[in-house]
Amino acid sequence: MKEEAPVVISVKNLHKSFKLPTERAWGLKQAIFNRLKGIKGYTEQKVLDNISFDIHQNEFVGIVGRNGSGKSTLLKTLAKIYFPEKGSVDINGTLVPFIELGVGFNPELSGRENVYLNGALLGFSNKEMDTMYDEIVDFAELRPFMDQKLKNFSSGMQVRLAFSIAIRARGDILLLDEVLAVGDAEFQKKCTDYFAAIKGKQTVILVTHDMGNVERYCNRAILIEEGKVKLDGKPKEVTEAYKKLWG
């Protein structure tokens, strides 16, 4: 019997809510009056409701659900961007989130300078970036533009550069939020080829609306509906359930 791979992410009884303002208190006097009357001035929106699951080493897991289901909040909670009111998230290994590509870019610096800046934020030395620079630029297909200021790059060019840097990050676990949709069709193929190459070699969690990518890359999928796990199982089973619910 094949031994089960170790658990690298364990989510237990996770709850997350956001406070949405309903009315403003104009001045200190009104704020005190509202408090005395028990008027909160906000409503509480429950986004994650008692979610639990384990993810094993080298699994490629798709998390799916319609907009507002809670899947991106779940991803940001795993990445420690958000913190839950109740429950726990235990991570065994280094985790790299591909959630907001290009965070840390400086539009006044050149593309070349931003490669080194972003590399430093990911923990690489200048010497390490020297060895990776050509590979990063060639993957992004931006060599003629690297001495221009980043503010002159199109948004698509910036995303390509950010992604090309990000995939060099050291990490045992990758968190991806629709990152397969970056760039034009040719660059998307590079991205999909990259993820095909790492399938089964790294732990990957992909939040997506693309059921084709779930069936293509994932060996497991989790369907989130109204902040709860509705289904956790084989990709085909989960994508069929998704299509029945939302088409």
C-alpha atoms as a PDB file:
ATOM      1  CA  MET A   1       0.000   0.000   0.000  1.00  0.00           C
ATOM      2  CA  LYS A   2       1.406   3.378  -1.007  1.00  0.00           C
ATOM      3  CA  GLU A   3       2.250   5.603   1.944  1.00  0.00           C
ATOM      4  CA  GLU A   4       0.241   8.845   2.034  1.00  0.00           C
ATOM      5  CA  ALA A   5       2.252  12.025   1.483  1.00  0.00           C
ATOM      6  CA  PRO A   6       2.701  14.285   4.530  1.00  0.00           C
ATOM      7  CA  VAL A   7       0.221  17.093   5.198  1.00  0.00           C
ATOM      8  CA  VAL A   8       1.694  20.516   4.336  1.00  0.00           C
ATOM      9  CA  ILE A   9      -1.415  22.665   4.903  1.00  0.00           C
ATOM     10  CA  SER A  10      -3.993  21.931   7.578  1.00  0.00           C
ATOM     11  CA  VAL A  11      -7.090  24.144   7.805  1.00  0.00           C
ATOM     12  CA  LYS A  12      -9.341  23.552  10.803  1.00  0.00           C
ATOM     13  CA  ASN A  13     -12.746  25.151  11.488  1.00  0.00           C
ATOM     14  CA  LEU A  14     -11.846  28.393   9.716  1.00  0.00           C
ATOM     15  CA  HIS A  15     -14.137  31.414  10.135  1.00  0.00           C
ATOM     16  CA  LYS A  16     -13.648  34.857   8.571  1.00  0.00           C
ATOM     17  CA  SER A  17     -16.004  37.856   8.502  1.00  0.00           C
ATOM     18  CA  PHE A  18     -15.830  41.459   7.324  1.00  0.00           C
ATOM     19  CA  LYS A  19     -17.538  44.485   8.853  1.00  0.00           C
ATOM     20  CA  LEU A  20     -19.478  46.543   6.304  1.00  0.00           C
ATOM     21  CA  PRO A  21     -20.475  50.098   7.387  1.00  0.00           C
ATOM     22  CA  THR A  22     -24.191  50.869   7.222  1.00  0.00           C
ATOM     23  CA  GLU A  23     -24.199  54.469   8.463  1.00  0.00           C
ATOM     24  CA  ARG A  24     -21.649  57.053   9.495  1.00  0.00           C
ATOM     25  CA  ALA A  25     -21.471  58.737  12.892  1.00  0.00           C
ATOM     26  CA  TRP A  26     -20.960  62.444  12.271  1.00  0.00           C
ATOM     27  CA  GLY A  27     -18.771  63.556  15.165  1.00  0.00           C
ATOM     28  CA  LEU A  28     -17.916  62.212  18.611  1.00  0.00           C
ATOM     29  CA  LYS A  29     -21.335  63.071  20.102  1.00  0.00           C
ATOM     30  CA  GLN A  30     -23.178  61.016  17.481  1.00  0.00           C
ATOM     31  CA  ALA A  31     -20.732  58.140  17.858  1.00  0.00           C
ATOM     32  CA  ILE A  32     -21.331  58.066  21.636  1.00  0.00           C
ATOM     33  CA  PHE A  33     -25.110  58.261  21.115  1.00  0.00           C
ATOM     34  CA  ASN A  34     -24.981  55.342  18.661  1.00  0.00           C
ATOM     35  CA  ARG A  35     -22.957  53.270  21.100  1.00  0.00           C
ATOM     36  CA  LEU A  36     -25.346  53.987  23.997  1.00  0.00           C
ATOM     37  CA  LYS A  37     -28.303  53.024  21.807  1.00  0.00           C
ATOM     38  CA  GLY A  38     -26.576  49.850  20.680  1.00  0.00           C
ATOM     39  CA  ILE A  39     -26.350  51.049  17.080  1.00  0.00           C
ATOM     40  CA  LYS A  40     -23.288  49.359  15.566  1.00  0.00           C
ATOM     41  CA  GLY A  41     -23.145  51.290  12.302  1.00  0.00           C
ATOM     42  CA  TYR A  42     -22.030  48.175  10.466  1.00  0.00           C
ATOM     43  CA  THR A  43     -23.202  44.742   9.413  1.00  0.00           C
ATOM     44  CA  GLU A  44     -21.082  41.626   9.629  1.00  0.00           C
ATOM     45  CA  GLN A  45     -20.604  39.609   6.444  1.00  0.00           C
ATOM     46  CA  LYS A  46     -19.533  36.016   7.023  1.00  0.00           C
ATOM     47  CA  VAL A  47     -17.166  35.035   4.211  1.00  0.00           C
ATOM     48  CA  LEU A  48     -15.645  31.758   5.453  1.00  0.00           C
ATOM     49  CA  ASP A  49     -17.890  29.517   7.544  1.00  0.00           C
ATOM     50  CA  ASN A  50     -16.254  26.604   9.395  1.00  0.00           C
ATOM     51  CA  ILE A  51     -13.940  25.467   6.589  1.00  0.00           C
ATOM     52  CA  SER A  52     -11.668  22.465   7.165  1.00  0.00           C
ATOM     53  CA  PHE A  53      -9.370  20.474   4.854  1.00  0.00           C
ATOM     54  CA  ASP A  54      -5.826  19.089   4.602  1.00  0.00           C
ATOM     55  CA  ILE A  55      -3.510  19.405   1.603  1.00  0.00           C
ATOM     56  CA  HIS A  56      -0.724  16.891   1.101  1.00  0.00           C
ATOM     57  CA  GLN A  57       2.761  17.384  -0.272  1.00  0.00           C
ATOM     58  CA  ASN A  58       2.893  17.759  -4.083  1.00  0.00           C
ATOM     59  CA  GLU A  59      -0.876  17.887  -4.536  1.00  0.00           C
ATOM     60  CA  PHE A  60      -2.176  20.304  -7.201  1.00  0.00           C
ATOM     61  CA  VAL A  61      -5.476  21.508  -5.751  1.00  0.00           C
ATOM     62  CA  GLY A  62      -8.014  23.694  -7.536  1.00  0.00           C
ATOM     63  CA  ILE A  63     -10.312  25.902  -5.452  1.00  0.00           C
ATOM     64  CA  VAL A  64     -13.401  26.939  -7.394  1.00  0.00           C
ATOM     65  CA  GLY A  65     -16.614  28.859  -6.803  1.00  0.00           C
ATOM     66  CA  ARG A  66     -18.471  31.828  -8.182  1.00  0.00           C
ATOM     67  CA  ASN A  67     -17.536  35.431  -7.333  1.00  0.00           C
ATOM     68  CA  GLY A  68     -18.245  36.151  -3.678  1.00  0.00           C
ATOM     69  CA  SER A  69     -18.085  32.500  -2.626  1.00  0.00           C
ATOM     70  CA  GLY A  70     -15.061  33.126  -0.390  1.00  0.00           C
ATOM     71  CA  LYS A  71     -12.337  31.393  -2.395  1.00  0.00           C
ATOM     72  CA  SER A  72     -10.009  34.423  -2.755  1.00  0.00           C
ATOM     73  CA  THR A  73     -10.483  35.261   0.934  1.00  0.00           C
ATOM     74  CA  LEU A  74      -9.499  31.674   1.705  1.00  0.00           C
ATOM     75  CA  LEU A  75      -6.362  32.025  -0.410  1.00  0.00           C
ATOM     76  CA  LYS A  76      -5.409  35.295   1.324  1.00  0.00           C
ATOM     77  CA  THR A  77      -5.984  33.665   4.702  1.00  0.00           C
ATOM     78  CA  LEU A  78      -3.634  30.840   3.742  1.00  0.00           C
ATOM     79  CA  ALA A  79      -1.100  33.505   2.697  1.00  0.00           C
ATOM     80  CA  LYS A  80      -1.461  35.276   6.089  1.00  0.00           C
ATOM     81  CA  ILE A  81      -2.769  38.452   4.426  1.00  0.00           C
ATOM     82  CA  TYR A  82      -6.013  37.959   6.347  1.00  0.00           C
ATOM     83  CA  PHE A  83      -6.364  36.410   9.792  1.00  0.00           C
ATOM     84  CA  PRO A  84      -9.383  34.348  10.873  1.00  0.00           C
ATOM     85  CA  GLU A  85     -11.648  35.087  13.844  1.00  0.00           C
ATOM     86  CA  LYS A  86     -11.788  31.376  14.657  1.00  0.00           C
ATOM     87  CA  GLY A  87      -9.982  28.269  13.552  1.00  0.00           C
ATOM     88  CA  SER A  88      -6.410  27.656  12.476  1.00  0.00           C
ATOM     89  CA  VAL A  89      -4.163  27.407   9.434  1.00  0.00           C
ATOM     90  CA  ASP A  90      -0.976  25.350   9.877  1.00  0.00           C
ATOM     91  CA  ILE A  91       1.671  25.499   7.149  1.00  0.00           C
ATOM     92  CA  ASN A  92       4.533  23.007   6.989  1.00  0.00           C
ATOM     93  CA  GLY A  93       7.008  24.464   4.489  1.00  0.00           C
ATOM     94  CA  THR A  94       7.787  27.747   2.779  1.00  0.00           C
ATOM     95  CA  LEU A  95       4.843  29.320   0.986  1.00  0.00           C
ATOM     96  CA  VAL A  96       4.976  31.684  -2.013  1.00  0.00           C
ATOM     97  CA  PRO A  97       1.759  33.545  -2.948  1.00  0.00           C
ATOM     98  CA  PHE A  98       1.206  34.588  -6.591  1.00  0.00           C
ATOM     99  CA  ILE A  99      -1.726  36.804  -5.637  1.00  0.00           C
ATOM    100  CA  GLU A 100      -0.698  40.333  -6.556  1.00  0.00           C
ATOM    101  CA  LEU A 101       2.041  40.093  -9.155  1.00  0.00           C
ATOM    102  CA  GLY A 102       4.357  43.075  -9.276  1.00  0.00           C
ATOM    103  CA  VAL A 103       3.918  44.236  -5.683  1.00  0.00           C
ATOM    104  CA  GLY A 104       7.091  46.208  -4.949  1.00  0.00           C
ATOM    105  CA  PHE A 105       7.687  47.392  -8.514  1.00  0.00           C
ATOM    106  CA  ASN A 106       8.766  51.031  -8.850  1.00  0.00           C
ATOM    107  CA  PRO A 107       7.415  52.745 -12.003  1.00  0.00           C
ATOM    108  CA  GLU A 108      10.252  55.308 -11.989  1.00  0.00           C
ATOM    109  CA  LEU A 109      12.935  52.620 -12.231  1.00  0.00           C
ATOM    110  CA  SER A 110      13.866  50.745 -15.386  1.00  0.00           C
ATOM    111  CA  GLY A 111      12.700  47.226 -16.112  1.00  0.00           C
ATOM    112  CA  ARG A 112      16.224  45.994 -15.359  1.00  0.00           C
ATOM    113  CA  GLU A 113      16.330  47.766 -11.996  1.00  0.00           C
ATOM    114  CA  ASN A 114      12.919  46.397 -11.094  1.00  0.00           C
ATOM    115  CA  VAL A 115      14.094  42.852 -11.760  1.00  0.00           C
ATOM    116  CA  TYR A 116      16.785  43.276  -9.115  1.00  0.00           C
ATOM    117  CA  LEU A 117      14.436  45.125  -6.746  1.00  0.00           C
ATOM    118  CA  ASN A 118      11.755  42.439  -6.978  1.00  0.00           C
ATOM    119  CA  GLY A 119      14.380  39.718  -6.671  1.00  0.00           C
ATOM    120  CA  ALA A 120      15.636  41.284  -3.436  1.00  0.00           C
ATOM    121  CA  LEU A 121      12.080  41.273  -2.062  1.00  0.00           C
ATOM    122  CA  LEU A 122      11.934  37.541  -2.833  1.00  0.00           C
ATOM    123  CA  GLY A 123      15.174  36.994  -0.904  1.00  0.00           C
ATOM    124  CA  PHE A 124      17.709  36.729  -3.744  1.00  0.00           C
ATOM    125  CA  SER A 125      21.129  38.377  -3.683  1.00  0.00           C
ATOM    126  CA  ASN A 126      22.414  40.546  -6.556  1.00  0.00           C
ATOM    127  CA  LYS A 127      24.774  37.738  -7.517  1.00  0.00           C
ATOM    128  CA  GLU A 128      21.902  35.252  -7.721  1.00  0.00           C
ATOM    129  CA  MET A 129      19.879  37.717  -9.797  1.00  0.00           C
ATOM    130  CA  ASP A 130      22.854  38.133 -12.153  1.00  0.00           C
ATOM    131  CA  THR A 131      22.674  34.409 -12.931  1.00  0.00           C
ATOM    132  CA  MET A 132      18.879  34.498 -13.456  1.00  0.00           C
ATOM    133  CA  TYR A 133      18.535  37.811 -15.272  1.00  0.00           C
ATOM    134  CA  ASP A 134      18.781  36.579 -18.882  1.00  0.00           C
ATOM    135  CA  GLU A 135      16.382  33.701 -18.222  1.00  0.00           C
ATOM    136  CA  ILE A 136      13.837  36.072 -16.624  1.00  0.00           C
ATOM    137  CA  VAL A 137      14.000  38.569 -19.493  1.00  0.00           C
ATOM    138  CA  ASP A 138      13.830  35.927 -22.193  1.00  0.00           C
ATOM    139  CA  PHE A 139      10.852  34.209 -20.550  1.00  0.00           C
ATOM    140  CA  ALA A 140       9.028  37.558 -20.394  1.00  0.00           C
ATOM    141  CA  GLU A 141      10.074  38.371 -23.989  1.00  0.00           C
ATOM    142  CA  LEU A 142      10.993  41.937 -23.007  1.00  0.00           C
ATOM    143  CA  ARG A 143      14.709  42.251 -23.791  1.00  0.00           C
ATOM    144  CA  PRO A 144      14.387  45.365 -26.053  1.00  0.00           C
ATOM    145  CA  PHE A 145      12.508  47.251 -23.319  1.00  0.00           C
ATOM    146  CA  MET A 146      14.487  46.523 -20.161  1.00  0.00           C
ATOM    147  CA  ASP A 147      16.284  49.881 -19.996  1.00  0.00           C
ATOM    148  CA  GLN A 148      13.017  51.837 -20.257  1.00  0.00           C
ATOM    149  CA  LYS A 149      11.217  53.051 -17.141  1.00  0.00           C
ATOM    150  CA  LEU A 150       8.584  50.628 -15.959  1.00  0.00           C
ATOM    151  CA  LYS A 151       5.880  53.307 -16.213  1.00  0.00           C
ATOM    152  CA  ASN A 152       6.292  53.108 -20.004  1.00  0.00           C
ATOM    153  CA  PHE A 153       5.487  49.370 -19.994  1.00  0.00           C
ATOM    154  CA  SER A 154       1.942  48.292 -20.801  1.00  0.00           C
ATOM    155  CA  SER A 155       0.067  46.508 -18.017  1.00  0.00           C
ATOM    156  CA  GLY A 156       0.503  43.231 -19.898  1.00  0.00           C
ATOM    157  CA  MET A 157       4.269  43.731 -20.113  1.00  0.00           C
ATOM    158  CA  GLN A 158       4.446  44.449 -16.381  1.00  0.00           C
ATOM    159  CA  VAL A 159       2.501  41.285 -15.558  1.00  0.00           C
ATOM    160  CA  ARG A 160       4.759  39.200 -17.789  1.00  0.00           C
ATOM    161  CA  LEU A 161       7.863  40.579 -16.082  1.00  0.00           C
ATOM    162  CA  ALA A 162       6.401  40.097 -12.609  1.00  0.00           C
ATOM    163  CA  PHE A 163       5.393  36.516 -13.355  1.00  0.00           C
ATOM    164  CA  SER A 164       8.805  35.719 -14.860  1.00  0.00           C
ATOM    165  CA  ILE A 165      10.459  36.886 -11.638  1.00  0.00           C
ATOM    166  CA  ALA A 166       7.927  35.290  -9.308  1.00  0.00           C
ATOM    167  CA  ILE A 167       8.342  31.753 -10.657  1.00  0.00           C
ATOM    168  CA  ARG A 168      11.997  31.876  -9.587  1.00  0.00           C
ATOM    169  CA  ALA A 169      10.949  32.304  -5.946  1.00  0.00           C
ATOM    170  CA  ARG A 170      11.998  29.651  -3.487  1.00  0.00           C
ATOM    171  CA  GLY A 171       9.049  27.834  -2.029  1.00  0.00           C
ATOM    172  CA  ASP A 172       7.542  24.459  -1.240  1.00  0.00           C
ATOM    173  CA  ILE A 173       3.945  25.639  -1.682  1.00  0.00           C
ATOM    174  CA  LEU A 174       2.604  27.923  -4.428  1.00  0.00           C
ATOM    175  CA  LEU A 175      -0.646  29.880  -4.047  1.00  0.00           C
ATOM    176  CA  LEU A 176      -2.061  31.037  -7.382  1.00  0.00           C
ATOM    177  CA  ASP A 177      -5.016  33.380  -7.920  1.00  0.00           C
ATOM    178  CA  GLU A 178      -6.004  33.254 -11.616  1.00  0.00           C
ATOM    179  CA  VAL A 179      -2.331  33.680 -12.526  1.00  0.00           C
ATOM    180  CA  LEU A 180      -2.731  31.370 -15.520  1.00  0.00           C
ATOM    181  CA  ALA A 181      -4.695  34.138 -17.229  1.00  0.00           C
ATOM    182  CA  VAL A 182      -1.772  36.576 -17.495  1.00  0.00           C
ATOM    183  CA  GLY A 183      -0.545  37.954 -20.803  1.00  0.00           C
ATOM    184  CA  ASP A 184      -1.473  37.076 -24.374  1.00  0.00           C
ATOM    185  CA  ALA A 185      -2.161  33.599 -25.742  1.00  0.00           C
ATOM    186  CA  GLU A 186       1.508  32.850 -26.475  1.00  0.00           C
ATOM    187  CA  PHE A 187       2.629  33.892 -22.998  1.00  0.00           C
ATOM    188  CA  GLN A 188      -0.245  31.982 -21.397  1.00  0.00           C
ATOM    189  CA  LYS A 189       1.078  28.856 -23.108  1.00  0.00           C
ATOM    190  CA  LYS A 190       4.450  29.455 -21.451  1.00  0.00           C
ATOM    191  CA  CYS A 191       2.681  29.746 -18.116  1.00  0.00           C
ATOM    192  CA  THR A 192       0.686  26.565 -18.634  1.00  0.00           C
ATOM    193  CA  ASP A 193       3.816  24.694 -19.780  1.00  0.00           C
ATOM    194  CA  TYR A 194       5.547  25.821 -16.587  1.00  0.00           C
ATOM    195  CA  PHE A 195       2.728  24.541 -14.374  1.00  0.00           C
ATOM    196  CA  ALA A 196       2.570  21.275 -16.292  1.00  0.00           C
ATOM    197  CA  ALA A 197       6.291  20.853 -15.575  1.00  0.00           C
ATOM    198  CA  ILE A 198       5.944  21.354 -11.808  1.00  0.00           C
ATOM    199  CA  LYS A 199       2.811  19.222 -11.408  1.00  0.00           C
ATOM    200  CA  GLY A 200       3.556  16.458  -8.914  1.00  0.00           C
ATOM    201  CA  LYS A 201       6.850  18.115  -7.890  1.00  0.00           C
ATOM    202  CA  GLN A 202       5.491  20.993  -5.796  1.00  0.00           C
ATOM    203  CA  THR A 203       2.384  21.654  -3.771  1.00  0.00           C
ATOM    204  CA  VAL A 204       0.142  24.042  -5.706  1.00  0.00           C
ATOM    205  CA  ILE A 205      -3.197  25.661  -4.811  1.00  0.00           C
ATOM    206  CA  LEU A 206      -4.967  27.319  -7.727  1.00  0.00           C
ATOM    207  CA  VAL A 207      -8.015  29.580  -7.342  1.00  0.00           C
ATOM    208  CA  THR A 208      -9.719  29.841 -10.729  1.00  0.00           C
ATOM    209  CA  HIS A 209     -12.946  30.096 -12.719  1.00  0.00           C
ATOM    210  CA  ASP A 210     -11.431  28.071 -15.571  1.00  0.00           C
ATOM    211  CA  MET A 211     -12.739  24.517 -15.229  1.00  0.00           C
ATOM    212  CA  GLY A 212     -10.506  23.441 -18.109  1.00  0.00           C
ATOM    213  CA  ASN A 213      -7.390  24.309 -16.110  1.00  0.00           C
ATOM    214  CA  VAL A 214      -8.789  22.504 -13.067  1.00  0.00           C
ATOM    215  CA  GLU A 215      -9.209  19.297 -15.082  1.00  0.00           C
ATOM    216  CA  ARG A 216      -5.912  19.801 -16.927  1.00  0.00           C
ATOM    217  CA  TYR A 217      -3.590  20.354 -13.941  1.00  0.00           C
ATOM    218  CA  CYS A 218      -5.281  19.459 -10.681  1.00  0.00           C
ATOM    219  CA  ASN A 219      -5.445  16.037  -9.062  1.00  0.00           C
ATOM    220  CA  ARG A 220      -8.011  17.322  -6.563  1.00  0.00           C
ATOM    221  CA  ALA A 221     -10.520  20.185  -6.396  1.00  0.00           C
ATOM    222  CA  ILE A 222     -12.543  21.943  -3.699  1.00  0.00           C
ATOM    223  CA  LEU A 223     -15.840  23.694  -4.454  1.00  0.00           C
ATOM    224  CA  ILE A 224     -16.657  26.661  -2.189  1.00  0.00           C
ATOM    225  CA  GLU A 225     -20.216  27.968  -1.938  1.00  0.00           C
ATOM    226  CA  GLU A 226     -21.318  30.738   0.455  1.00  0.00           C
ATOM    227  CA  GLY A 227     -18.156  30.326   2.500  1.00  0.00           C
ATOM    228  CA  LYS A 228     -18.505  26.575   2.990  1.00  0.00           C
ATOM    229  CA  VAL A 229     -16.857  23.536   1.409  1.00  0.00           C
ATOM    230  CA  LYS A 230     -19.636  22.081  -0.745  1.00  0.00           C
ATOM    231  CA  LEU A 231     -17.544  19.372  -2.397  1.00  0.00           C
ATOM    232  CA  ASP A 232     -13.965  18.095  -2.089  1.00  0.00           C
ATOM    233  CA  GLY A 233     -12.953  15.426  -4.563  1.00  0.00           C
ATOM    234  CA  LYS A 234     -11.742  14.514  -8.037  1.00  0.00           C
ATOM    235  CA  PRO A 235     -11.427  17.457 -10.499  1.00  0.00           C
ATOM    236  CA  LYS A 236     -13.992  16.069 -12.979  1.00  0.00           C
ATOM    237  CA  GLU A 237     -16.554  15.514 -10.242  1.00  0.00           C
ATOM    238  CA  VAL A 238     -16.058  19.029  -8.854  1.00  0.00           C
ATOM    239  CA  THR A 239     -16.113  20.808 -12.222  1.00  0.00           C
ATOM    240  CA  GLU A 240     -19.343  19.022 -13.175  1.00  0.00           C
ATOM    241  CA  ALA A 241     -20.904  20.130  -9.873  1.00  0.00           C
ATOM    242  CA  TYR A 242     -19.717  23.709 -10.549  1.00  0.00           C
ATOM    243  CA  LYS A 243     -21.279  23.705 -14.026  1.00  0.00           C
ATOM    244  CA  LYS A 244     -24.573  22.350 -12.691  1.00  0.00           C
ATOM    245  CA  LEU A 245     -24.707  25.133 -10.115  1.00  0.00           C
ATOM    246  CA  TRP A 246     -23.612  28.072 -12.270  1.00  0.00           C
ATOM    247  CA  GLY A 247     -23.243  26.895 -15.857  1.00  0.00           C
END
